[in-house]
């Protein structure tokens, strides 16, 4: 971000005039280290808060467990505990970002929901559903094949503890904070460094993939990060990619629950056909979004 020498208001790096007073903005030269720090600072904040809150909660539970009848190990290993930590750390990171960079959010406009028309948000929701359908159909076919070979019933992990906390954490808070960190900050800052668009998209998508340490999630997180990044760049608003991300996560959880309840109703071949349908719908919706973007 540059700063107006007349009124002191911050302005995006590509701005030529101050939006507040109209003064000419003189670009500030930054070292490569300051630029890199601007790319990763809020990513490190988010990860650091997760580690910090997890550590504090673990210590508190350990102390309470020593004094009472609480089963410390069962709480730590419960997925509901992880969901709660993710919810708290996401809310804390979002608050810190808003407190430290609220002016930047207003100056760049990436948080302005008015940049995303309701029809765009609706299409993005449908896109998230189709991407989730494609990814989970592929996983469903692989899980079904594995269960047929070893005789173990196919299933997904749906033990997420309290459903309400899990929904708020994994399907609302996490998509919002990840879009703000990876698309709203990391991708935008990479673009401000004059990197090629494709290179910037791939870099932020790789980092996005690396934070999803689950072996299966790492595979599909890379293309997801690229698609969410493209949506953000097309419309300049974080809400379009947030809508797609929330829809993807929500449908994935619903898919897992339905799959576990009806894991014998479809063969691997049926799942493969479903995956092709999901891929086709994803491509069609991306084309529709591209045309909507061209009309703006």
C-alpha atoms as a PDB file:
ATOM      1  CA  UNK A   1       0.000   0.000   0.000  1.00  0.00           C
ATOM      2  CA  UNK A   2       1.114   3.568  -0.790  1.00  0.00           C
ATOM      3  CA  UNK A   3       0.261   6.563   1.385  1.00  0.00           C
ATOM      4  CA  UNK A   4      -0.901   9.983   0.245  1.00  0.00           C
ATOM      5  CA  UNK A   5       1.664  12.627   1.204  1.00  0.00           C
ATOM      6  CA  UNK A   6      -1.091  15.256   1.556  1.00  0.00           C
ATOM      7  CA  UNK A   7      -3.809  13.639   3.678  1.00  0.00           C
ATOM      8  CA  UNK A   8      -2.069  10.457   4.858  1.00  0.00           C
ATOM      9  CA  UNK A   9      -4.765   8.056   3.610  1.00  0.00           C
ATOM     10  CA  UNK A  10      -3.490   4.703   2.334  1.00  0.00           C
ATOM     11  CA  UNK A  11      -4.058   3.799  -1.315  1.00  0.00           C
ATOM     12  CA  UNK A  12      -3.581   0.611  -3.357  1.00  0.00           C
ATOM     13  CA  UNK A  13      -0.182   0.205  -5.006  1.00  0.00           C
ATOM     14  CA  UNK A  14      -1.655   0.654  -8.493  1.00  0.00           C
ATOM     15  CA  UNK A  15      -3.476   3.914  -7.615  1.00  0.00           C
ATOM     16  CA  UNK A  16      -2.294   7.099  -9.343  1.00  0.00           C
ATOM     17  CA  UNK A  17      -4.506   9.501  -7.371  1.00  0.00           C
ATOM     18  CA  UNK A  18      -5.692   9.594  -3.768  1.00  0.00           C
ATOM     19  CA  UNK A  19      -9.343   8.587  -3.475  1.00  0.00           C
ATOM     20  CA  UNK A  20      -9.746  10.931  -0.516  1.00  0.00           C
ATOM     21  CA  UNK A  21      -8.239  14.228  -1.706  1.00  0.00           C
ATOM     22  CA  UNK A  22      -7.257  13.648  -5.340  1.00  0.00           C
ATOM     23  CA  UNK A  23      -3.555  14.238  -4.724  1.00  0.00           C
ATOM     24  CA  UNK A  24      -1.066  12.457  -7.007  1.00  0.00           C
ATOM     25  CA  UNK A  25       0.219   9.266  -5.368  1.00  0.00           C
ATOM     26  CA  UNK A  26       3.969   8.826  -5.471  1.00  0.00           C
ATOM     27  CA  UNK A  27       4.860   5.098  -5.462  1.00  0.00           C
ATOM     28  CA  UNK A  28       6.970   4.031  -2.508  1.00  0.00           C
ATOM     29  CA  UNK A  29       9.885   1.737  -3.201  1.00  0.00           C
ATOM     30  CA  UNK A  30       9.874  -1.345  -0.984  1.00  0.00           C
ATOM     31  CA  UNK A  31      12.573  -3.945  -0.484  1.00  0.00           C
ATOM     32  CA  UNK A  32      11.910  -7.502  -1.623  1.00  0.00           C
ATOM     33  CA  UNK A  33      11.759  -8.586   2.030  1.00  0.00           C
ATOM     34  CA  UNK A  34       9.033  -6.073   2.855  1.00  0.00           C
ATOM     35  CA  UNK A  35       7.075  -7.206  -0.180  1.00  0.00           C
ATOM     36  CA  UNK A  36       7.376 -10.863   0.786  1.00  0.00           C
ATOM     37  CA  UNK A  37       6.359 -10.016   4.340  1.00  0.00           C
ATOM     38  CA  UNK A  38       3.289  -8.266   2.955  1.00  0.00           C
ATOM     39  CA  UNK A  39       2.398 -11.492   1.130  1.00  0.00           C
ATOM     40  CA  UNK A  40       2.714 -13.906   4.055  1.00  0.00           C
ATOM     41  CA  UNK A  41       2.116 -11.799   7.191  1.00  0.00           C
ATOM     42  CA  UNK A  42      -1.584 -12.554   7.637  1.00  0.00           C
ATOM     43  CA  UNK A  43      -1.097 -16.181   6.633  1.00  0.00           C
ATOM     44  CA  UNK A  44       1.451 -16.525   9.451  1.00  0.00           C
ATOM     45  CA  UNK A  45      -0.949 -14.697  11.786  1.00  0.00           C
ATOM     46  CA  UNK A  46      -3.738 -17.189  11.067  1.00  0.00           C
ATOM     47  CA  UNK A  47      -1.504 -20.245  11.506  1.00  0.00           C
ATOM     48  CA  UNK A  48       0.156 -18.739  14.592  1.00  0.00           C
ATOM     49  CA  UNK A  49      -3.191 -18.069  16.264  1.00  0.00           C
ATOM     50  CA  UNK A  50      -4.253 -21.659  15.633  1.00  0.00           C
ATOM     51  CA  UNK A  51      -1.080 -22.961  17.282  1.00  0.00           C
ATOM     52  CA  UNK A  52      -1.349 -20.486  20.163  1.00  0.00           C
ATOM     53  CA  UNK A  53      -5.012 -21.181  20.914  1.00  0.00           C
ATOM     54  CA  UNK A  54      -4.499 -24.933  20.551  1.00  0.00           C
ATOM     55  CA  UNK A  55      -1.574 -24.741  22.994  1.00  0.00           C
ATOM     56  CA  UNK A  56      -3.478 -22.679  25.565  1.00  0.00           C
ATOM     57  CA  UNK A  57      -6.533 -24.953  25.344  1.00  0.00           C
ATOM     58  CA  UNK A  58      -4.372 -28.062  25.685  1.00  0.00           C
ATOM     59  CA  UNK A  59      -2.617 -26.702  28.790  1.00  0.00           C
ATOM     60  CA  UNK A  60      -5.900 -25.652  30.395  1.00  0.00           C
ATOM     61  CA  UNK A  61      -7.486 -29.049  29.716  1.00  0.00           C
ATOM     62  CA  UNK A  62      -4.398 -30.818  31.055  1.00  0.00           C
ATOM     63  CA  UNK A  63      -4.564 -28.833  34.307  1.00  0.00           C
ATOM     64  CA  UNK A  64      -8.307 -29.426  34.669  1.00  0.00           C
ATOM     65  CA  UNK A  65      -7.854 -33.089  33.831  1.00  0.00           C
ATOM     66  CA  UNK A  66      -5.303 -33.502  36.609  1.00  0.00           C
ATOM     67  CA  UNK A  67      -7.694 -31.955  39.108  1.00  0.00           C
ATOM     68  CA  UNK A  68     -10.885 -33.730  38.012  1.00  0.00           C
ATOM     69  CA  UNK A  69     -12.347 -36.676  36.171  1.00  0.00           C
ATOM     70  CA  UNK A  70     -12.006 -35.238  32.644  1.00  0.00           C
ATOM     71  CA  UNK A  71     -10.620 -37.652  30.077  1.00  0.00           C
ATOM     72  CA  UNK A  72      -7.947 -35.393  28.612  1.00  0.00           C
ATOM     73  CA  UNK A  73      -6.885 -37.723  25.767  1.00  0.00           C
ATOM     74  CA  UNK A  74     -10.424 -38.289  24.475  1.00  0.00           C
ATOM     75  CA  UNK A  75     -11.096 -34.521  24.319  1.00  0.00           C
ATOM     76  CA  UNK A  76      -7.862 -33.746  22.452  1.00  0.00           C
ATOM     77  CA  UNK A  77      -8.438 -36.538  19.929  1.00  0.00           C
ATOM     78  CA  UNK A  78     -12.075 -35.529  19.345  1.00  0.00           C
ATOM     79  CA  UNK A  79     -12.698 -33.769  16.016  1.00  0.00           C
ATOM     80  CA  UNK A  80     -15.144 -31.476  17.807  1.00  0.00           C
ATOM     81  CA  UNK A  81     -12.241 -30.003  19.783  1.00  0.00           C
ATOM     82  CA  UNK A  82     -10.411 -29.253  16.528  1.00  0.00           C
ATOM     83  CA  UNK A  83     -13.536 -27.626  15.070  1.00  0.00           C
ATOM     84  CA  UNK A  84     -13.837 -25.362  18.109  1.00  0.00           C
ATOM     85  CA  UNK A  85     -10.166 -24.338  17.890  1.00  0.00           C
ATOM     86  CA  UNK A  86     -10.576 -23.550  14.173  1.00  0.00           C
ATOM     87  CA  UNK A  87     -13.667 -21.452  14.905  1.00  0.00           C
ATOM     88  CA  UNK A  88     -11.979 -19.433  17.663  1.00  0.00           C
ATOM     89  CA  UNK A  89      -8.718 -18.912  15.731  1.00  0.00           C
ATOM     90  CA  UNK A  90     -10.569 -17.878  12.560  1.00  0.00           C
ATOM     91  CA  UNK A  91     -12.671 -15.335  14.469  1.00  0.00           C
ATOM     92  CA  UNK A  92      -9.584 -14.000  16.266  1.00  0.00           C
ATOM     93  CA  UNK A  93      -7.574 -13.696  13.036  1.00  0.00           C
ATOM     94  CA  UNK A  94     -10.428 -11.917  11.258  1.00  0.00           C
ATOM     95  CA  UNK A  95     -10.749  -9.447  14.139  1.00  0.00           C
ATOM     96  CA  UNK A  96      -7.007  -8.698  14.165  1.00  0.00           C
ATOM     97  CA  UNK A  97      -6.982  -8.228  10.381  1.00  0.00           C
ATOM     98  CA  UNK A  98      -9.939  -5.869  10.512  1.00  0.00           C
ATOM     99  CA  UNK A  99      -8.363  -3.894  13.358  1.00  0.00           C
ATOM    100  CA  UNK A 100      -4.946  -3.575  11.681  1.00  0.00           C
ATOM    101  CA  UNK A 101      -5.959  -3.296   8.021  1.00  0.00           C
ATOM    102  CA  UNK A 102      -9.510  -1.935   8.005  1.00  0.00           C
ATOM    103  CA  UNK A 103      -8.479   1.139   6.006  1.00  0.00           C
ATOM    104  CA  UNK A 104      -6.792  -1.040   3.418  1.00  0.00           C
ATOM    105  CA  UNK A 105      -9.947  -3.146   3.066  1.00  0.00           C
ATOM    106  CA  UNK A 106     -11.955  -0.008   2.341  1.00  0.00           C
ATOM    107  CA  UNK A 107      -9.330   1.414  -0.028  1.00  0.00           C
ATOM    108  CA  UNK A 108      -9.014  -1.730  -2.147  1.00  0.00           C
ATOM    109  CA  UNK A 109     -12.721  -2.547  -2.032  1.00  0.00           C
ATOM    110  CA  UNK A 110     -12.156  -6.302  -1.961  1.00  0.00           C
ATOM    111  CA  UNK A 111     -14.534  -6.595   1.034  1.00  0.00           C
ATOM    112  CA  UNK A 112     -17.278  -4.581  -0.711  1.00  0.00           C
ATOM    113  CA  UNK A 113     -20.161  -6.991  -1.330  1.00  0.00           C
ATOM    114  CA  UNK A 114     -21.706  -4.517  -3.787  1.00  0.00           C
ATOM    115  CA  UNK A 115     -19.058  -5.585  -6.305  1.00  0.00           C
ATOM    116  CA  UNK A 116     -20.728  -9.007  -6.474  1.00  0.00           C
ATOM    117  CA  UNK A 117     -24.259  -8.900  -7.826  1.00  0.00           C
ATOM    118  CA  UNK A 118     -26.736 -11.399  -6.326  1.00  0.00           C
ATOM    119  CA  UNK A 119     -26.753 -13.390  -9.579  1.00  0.00           C
ATOM    120  CA  UNK A 120     -22.953 -13.696  -9.418  1.00  0.00           C
ATOM    121  CA  UNK A 121     -23.112 -14.964  -5.839  1.00  0.00           C
ATOM    122  CA  UNK A 122     -25.823 -17.444  -6.822  1.00  0.00           C
ATOM    123  CA  UNK A 123     -23.757 -18.771  -9.719  1.00  0.00           C
ATOM    124  CA  UNK A 124     -20.743 -19.074  -7.403  1.00  0.00           C
ATOM    125  CA  UNK A 125     -22.815 -21.082  -4.923  1.00  0.00           C
ATOM    126  CA  UNK A 126     -23.888 -23.405  -7.742  1.00  0.00           C
ATOM    127  CA  UNK A 127     -20.260 -23.642  -8.870  1.00  0.00           C
ATOM    128  CA  UNK A 128     -19.178 -24.641  -5.361  1.00  0.00           C
ATOM    129  CA  UNK A 129     -21.866 -27.325  -5.271  1.00  0.00           C
ATOM    130  CA  UNK A 130     -20.804 -28.719  -8.652  1.00  0.00           C
ATOM    131  CA  UNK A 131     -17.114 -28.744  -7.722  1.00  0.00           C
ATOM    132  CA  UNK A 132     -17.960 -30.533  -4.486  1.00  0.00           C
ATOM    133  CA  UNK A 133     -20.133 -33.022  -6.388  1.00  0.00           C
ATOM    134  CA  UNK A 134     -17.259 -33.739  -8.777  1.00  0.00           C
ATOM    135  CA  UNK A 135     -14.591 -34.102  -6.075  1.00  0.00           C
ATOM    136  CA  UNK A 136     -16.725 -36.225  -3.760  1.00  0.00           C
ATOM    137  CA  UNK A 137     -17.960 -38.431  -6.597  1.00  0.00           C
ATOM    138  CA  UNK A 138     -14.331 -39.184  -7.490  1.00  0.00           C
ATOM    139  CA  UNK A 139     -13.562 -39.919  -3.837  1.00  0.00           C
ATOM    140  CA  UNK A 140     -16.747 -41.988  -3.574  1.00  0.00           C
ATOM    141  CA  UNK A 141     -15.737 -44.145  -6.513  1.00  0.00           C
ATOM    142  CA  UNK A 142     -12.247 -44.706  -5.053  1.00  0.00           C
ATOM    143  CA  UNK A 143     -13.627 -45.515  -1.590  1.00  0.00           C
ATOM    144  CA  UNK A 144     -16.167 -47.894  -3.112  1.00  0.00           C
ATOM    145  CA  UNK A 145     -13.467 -49.666  -5.104  1.00  0.00           C
ATOM    146  CA  UNK A 146     -11.346 -50.007  -1.971  1.00  0.00           C
ATOM    147  CA  UNK A 147     -14.251 -51.393   0.050  1.00  0.00           C
ATOM    148  CA  UNK A 148     -15.070 -53.933  -2.675  1.00  0.00           C
ATOM    149  CA  UNK A 149     -11.482 -55.169  -2.689  1.00  0.00           C
ATOM    150  CA  UNK A 150     -11.008 -55.570   1.072  1.00  0.00           C
ATOM    151  CA  UNK A 151     -14.610 -56.209   2.116  1.00  0.00           C
ATOM    152  CA  UNK A 152     -14.770 -53.228   4.501  1.00  0.00           C
ATOM    153  CA  UNK A 153     -17.912 -51.026   4.170  1.00  0.00           C
ATOM    154  CA  UNK A 154     -17.159 -47.675   2.545  1.00  0.00           C
ATOM    155  CA  UNK A 155     -17.508 -44.617   4.772  1.00  0.00           C
ATOM    156  CA  UNK A 156     -16.394 -41.029   5.319  1.00  0.00           C
ATOM    157  CA  UNK A 157     -15.370 -39.477   8.625  1.00  0.00           C
ATOM    158  CA  UNK A 158     -18.337 -37.481   9.949  1.00  0.00           C
ATOM    159  CA  UNK A 159     -17.433 -37.467  13.656  1.00  0.00           C
ATOM    160  CA  UNK A 160     -17.054 -33.717  13.986  1.00  0.00           C
ATOM    161  CA  UNK A 161     -18.398 -33.283  17.511  1.00  0.00           C
ATOM    162  CA  UNK A 162     -21.144 -30.706  18.056  1.00  0.00           C
ATOM    163  CA  UNK A 163     -22.860 -30.276  14.641  1.00  0.00           C
ATOM    164  CA  UNK A 164     -23.549 -26.567  15.198  1.00  0.00           C
ATOM    165  CA  UNK A 165     -19.939 -25.751  16.113  1.00  0.00           C
ATOM    166  CA  UNK A 166     -18.665 -27.930  13.257  1.00  0.00           C
ATOM    167  CA  UNK A 167     -20.948 -26.137  10.776  1.00  0.00           C
ATOM    168  CA  UNK A 168     -19.933 -22.668  11.949  1.00  0.00           C
ATOM    169  CA  UNK A 169     -16.264 -23.614  11.939  1.00  0.00           C
ATOM    170  CA  UNK A 170     -15.751 -25.714   8.800  1.00  0.00           C
ATOM    171  CA  UNK A 171     -18.495 -24.282   6.603  1.00  0.00           C
ATOM    172  CA  UNK A 172     -18.588 -20.598   7.569  1.00  0.00           C
ATOM    173  CA  UNK A 173     -15.582 -19.335   9.548  1.00  0.00           C
ATOM    174  CA  UNK A 174     -12.851 -21.341   7.799  1.00  0.00           C
ATOM    175  CA  UNK A 175     -13.994 -20.497   4.229  1.00  0.00           C
ATOM    176  CA  UNK A 176     -14.264 -16.794   5.112  1.00  0.00           C
ATOM    177  CA  UNK A 177     -10.853 -16.524   6.777  1.00  0.00           C
ATOM    178  CA  UNK A 178      -9.128 -18.646   4.119  1.00  0.00           C
ATOM    179  CA  UNK A 179     -10.526 -16.513   1.306  1.00  0.00           C
ATOM    180  CA  UNK A 180      -9.474 -13.321   3.075  1.00  0.00           C
ATOM    181  CA  UNK A 181      -5.958 -14.657   3.746  1.00  0.00           C
ATOM    182  CA  UNK A 182      -5.222 -16.458   0.466  1.00  0.00           C
ATOM    183  CA  UNK A 183      -7.203 -14.472  -2.086  1.00  0.00           C
ATOM    184  CA  UNK A 184      -7.861 -11.110  -0.408  1.00  0.00           C
ATOM    185  CA  UNK A 185      -4.295 -10.679   0.835  1.00  0.00           C
ATOM    186  CA  UNK A 186      -1.816 -13.201  -0.553  1.00  0.00           C
ATOM    187  CA  UNK A 187      -3.028 -13.230  -4.163  1.00  0.00           C
ATOM    188  CA  UNK A 188      -3.613  -9.477  -4.252  1.00  0.00           C
ATOM    189  CA  UNK A 189      -0.162  -8.736  -2.832  1.00  0.00           C
ATOM    190  CA  UNK A 190       1.460 -11.138  -5.311  1.00  0.00           C
ATOM    191  CA  UNK A 191      -0.285  -9.259  -8.120  1.00  0.00           C
ATOM    192  CA  UNK A 192       0.939  -5.948  -6.675  1.00  0.00           C
ATOM    193  CA  UNK A 193       4.487  -7.339  -6.981  1.00  0.00           C
ATOM    194  CA  UNK A 194       3.866  -7.344 -10.771  1.00  0.00           C
ATOM    195  CA  UNK A 195       3.978 -11.143 -10.971  1.00  0.00           C
ATOM    196  CA  UNK A 196       2.371 -12.898 -13.891  1.00  0.00           C
ATOM    197  CA  UNK A 197      -1.268 -13.708 -13.084  1.00  0.00           C
ATOM    198  CA  UNK A 198      -0.789 -17.454 -13.631  1.00  0.00           C
ATOM    199  CA  UNK A 199       2.315 -17.488 -11.398  1.00  0.00           C
ATOM    200  CA  UNK A 200       0.499 -15.568  -8.634  1.00  0.00           C
ATOM    201  CA  UNK A 201      -2.470 -17.946  -8.838  1.00  0.00           C
ATOM    202  CA  UNK A 202      -0.252 -21.027  -8.615  1.00  0.00           C
ATOM    203  CA  UNK A 203       1.837 -19.702  -5.687  1.00  0.00           C
ATOM    204  CA  UNK A 204      -1.150 -18.898  -3.491  1.00  0.00           C
ATOM    205  CA  UNK A 205      -2.827 -22.176  -4.485  1.00  0.00           C
ATOM    206  CA  UNK A 206       0.262 -24.167  -3.478  1.00  0.00           C
ATOM    207  CA  UNK A 207       0.344 -22.505  -0.058  1.00  0.00           C
ATOM    208  CA  UNK A 208      -3.416 -23.102   0.229  1.00  0.00           C
ATOM    209  CA  UNK A 209      -2.789 -26.779  -0.561  1.00  0.00           C
ATOM    210  CA  UNK A 210      -0.009 -27.099   2.014  1.00  0.00           C
ATOM    211  CA  UNK A 211      -2.233 -25.982   4.897  1.00  0.00           C
ATOM    212  CA  UNK A 212      -4.641 -28.829   4.098  1.00  0.00           C
ATOM    213  CA  UNK A 213      -2.456 -31.616   5.452  1.00  0.00           C
ATOM    214  CA  UNK A 214      -5.065 -34.334   4.948  1.00  0.00           C
ATOM    215  CA  UNK A 215      -3.698 -36.531   2.140  1.00  0.00           C
ATOM    216  CA  UNK A 216      -6.918 -36.458   0.105  1.00  0.00           C
ATOM    217  CA  UNK A 217      -7.613 -32.768   0.705  1.00  0.00           C
ATOM    218  CA  UNK A 218      -4.120 -31.823  -0.500  1.00  0.00           C
ATOM    219  CA  UNK A 219      -4.882 -33.356  -3.901  1.00  0.00           C
ATOM    220  CA  UNK A 220      -7.956 -31.266  -4.672  1.00  0.00           C
ATOM    221  CA  UNK A 221      -6.985 -28.132  -2.703  1.00  0.00           C
ATOM    222  CA  UNK A 222      -4.559 -27.020  -5.426  1.00  0.00           C
ATOM    223  CA  UNK A 223      -7.136 -26.748  -8.255  1.00  0.00           C
ATOM    224  CA  UNK A 224      -9.672 -25.349  -5.793  1.00  0.00           C
ATOM    225  CA  UNK A 225      -7.230 -22.609  -4.798  1.00  0.00           C
ATOM    226  CA  UNK A 226      -6.696 -21.720  -8.449  1.00  0.00           C
ATOM    227  CA  UNK A 227     -10.434 -21.600  -9.218  1.00  0.00           C
ATOM    228  CA  UNK A 228     -11.238 -19.508  -6.128  1.00  0.00           C
ATOM    229  CA  UNK A 229      -8.382 -17.179  -7.099  1.00  0.00           C
ATOM    230  CA  UNK A 230      -9.698 -16.789 -10.646  1.00  0.00           C
ATOM    231  CA  UNK A 231     -13.157 -15.921  -9.321  1.00  0.00           C
ATOM    232  CA  UNK A 232     -11.669 -13.278  -7.023  1.00  0.00           C
ATOM    233  CA  UNK A 233      -9.603 -11.714  -9.826  1.00  0.00           C
ATOM    234  CA  UNK A 234     -12.563 -11.666 -12.191  1.00  0.00           C
ATOM    235  CA  UNK A 235     -14.858  -9.725  -9.847  1.00  0.00           C
ATOM    236  CA  UNK A 236     -12.443  -7.976  -7.458  1.00  0.00           C
ATOM    237  CA  UNK A 237     -14.607  -8.972  -4.488  1.00  0.00           C
ATOM    238  CA  UNK A 238     -13.841 -11.598  -1.904  1.00  0.00           C
ATOM    239  CA  UNK A 239     -17.535 -12.449  -1.512  1.00  0.00           C
ATOM    240  CA  UNK A 240     -17.760 -14.306  -4.820  1.00  0.00           C
ATOM    241  CA  UNK A 241     -15.018 -16.761  -3.842  1.00  0.00           C
ATOM    242  CA  UNK A 242     -16.393 -16.974  -0.281  1.00  0.00           C
ATOM    243  CA  UNK A 243     -19.778 -18.038  -1.664  1.00  0.00           C
ATOM    244  CA  UNK A 244     -18.193 -20.791  -3.761  1.00  0.00           C
ATOM    245  CA  UNK A 245     -15.980 -21.941  -0.859  1.00  0.00           C
ATOM    246  CA  UNK A 246     -18.862 -22.110   1.644  1.00  0.00           C
ATOM    247  CA  UNK A 247     -20.986 -24.058  -0.842  1.00  0.00           C
ATOM    248  CA  UNK A 248     -18.135 -26.499  -1.516  1.00  0.00           C
ATOM    249  CA  UNK A 249     -17.488 -27.231   2.165  1.00  0.00           C
ATOM    250  CA  UNK A 250     -21.162 -27.443   3.094  1.00  0.00           C
ATOM    251  CA  UNK A 251     -22.079 -29.842   0.301  1.00  0.00           C
ATOM    252  CA  UNK A 252     -19.012 -31.966   1.058  1.00  0.00           C
ATOM    253  CA  UNK A 253     -20.193 -32.475   4.651  1.00  0.00           C
ATOM    254  CA  UNK A 254     -23.717 -33.261   3.467  1.00  0.00           C
ATOM    255  CA  UNK A 255     -22.341 -35.682   0.891  1.00  0.00           C
ATOM    256  CA  UNK A 256     -20.335 -37.536   3.558  1.00  0.00           C
ATOM    257  CA  UNK A 257     -23.415 -37.949   5.766  1.00  0.00           C
ATOM    258  CA  UNK A 258     -25.582 -39.204   2.885  1.00  0.00           C
ATOM    259  CA  UNK A 259     -22.816 -41.484   1.606  1.00  0.00           C
ATOM    260  CA  UNK A 260     -22.372 -43.125   5.002  1.00  0.00           C
ATOM    261  CA  UNK A 261     -26.117 -43.706   5.286  1.00  0.00           C
ATOM    262  CA  UNK A 262     -26.419 -45.167   1.758  1.00  0.00           C
ATOM    263  CA  UNK A 263     -22.987 -46.527   0.930  1.00  0.00           C
ATOM    264  CA  UNK A 264     -24.315 -49.541  -0.958  1.00  0.00           C
ATOM    265  CA  UNK A 265     -26.618 -47.782  -3.408  1.00  0.00           C
ATOM    266  CA  UNK A 266     -23.995 -46.894  -6.048  1.00  0.00           C
ATOM    267  CA  UNK A 267     -21.184 -48.779  -7.728  1.00  0.00           C
ATOM    268  CA  UNK A 268     -17.799 -47.299  -8.595  1.00  0.00           C
ATOM    269  CA  UNK A 269     -19.012 -46.926 -12.183  1.00  0.00           C
ATOM    270  CA  UNK A 270     -21.999 -44.822 -11.138  1.00  0.00           C
ATOM    271  CA  UNK A 271     -19.725 -42.615  -9.050  1.00  0.00           C
ATOM    272  CA  UNK A 272     -17.423 -42.188 -12.057  1.00  0.00           C
ATOM    273  CA  UNK A 273     -20.365 -41.021 -14.200  1.00  0.00           C
ATOM    274  CA  UNK A 274     -21.413 -38.621 -11.434  1.00  0.00           C
ATOM    275  CA  UNK A 275     -17.891 -37.202 -11.346  1.00  0.00           C
ATOM    276  CA  UNK A 276     -17.992 -36.554 -15.109  1.00  0.00           C
ATOM    277  CA  UNK A 277     -21.338 -34.791 -14.702  1.00  0.00           C
ATOM    278  CA  UNK A 278     -19.940 -32.651 -11.883  1.00  0.00           C
ATOM    279  CA  UNK A 279     -16.878 -31.753 -13.963  1.00  0.00           C
ATOM    280  CA  UNK A 280     -19.022 -30.810 -16.966  1.00  0.00           C
ATOM    281  CA  UNK A 281     -21.278 -28.580 -14.847  1.00  0.00           C
ATOM    282  CA  UNK A 282     -18.219 -26.956 -13.252  1.00  0.00           C
ATOM    283  CA  UNK A 283     -16.796 -26.076 -16.674  1.00  0.00           C
ATOM    284  CA  UNK A 284     -20.148 -24.707 -17.868  1.00  0.00           C
ATOM    285  CA  UNK A 285     -20.542 -22.490 -14.798  1.00  0.00           C
ATOM    286  CA  UNK A 286     -16.971 -21.168 -15.141  1.00  0.00           C
ATOM    287  CA  UNK A 287     -17.799 -20.194 -18.741  1.00  0.00           C
ATOM    288  CA  UNK A 288     -20.991 -18.479 -17.544  1.00  0.00           C
ATOM    289  CA  UNK A 289     -19.034 -16.547 -14.902  1.00  0.00           C
ATOM    290  CA  UNK A 290     -16.442 -15.535 -17.486  1.00  0.00           C
ATOM    291  CA  UNK A 291     -19.151 -14.147 -19.754  1.00  0.00           C
ATOM    292  CA  UNK A 292     -20.729 -12.296 -16.830  1.00  0.00           C
ATOM    293  CA  UNK A 293     -17.324 -10.801 -16.086  1.00  0.00           C
ATOM    294  CA  UNK A 294     -16.864  -9.657 -19.682  1.00  0.00           C
ATOM    295  CA  UNK A 295     -20.190  -7.808 -19.552  1.00  0.00           C
ATOM    296  CA  UNK A 296     -19.214  -5.727 -16.499  1.00  0.00           C
END
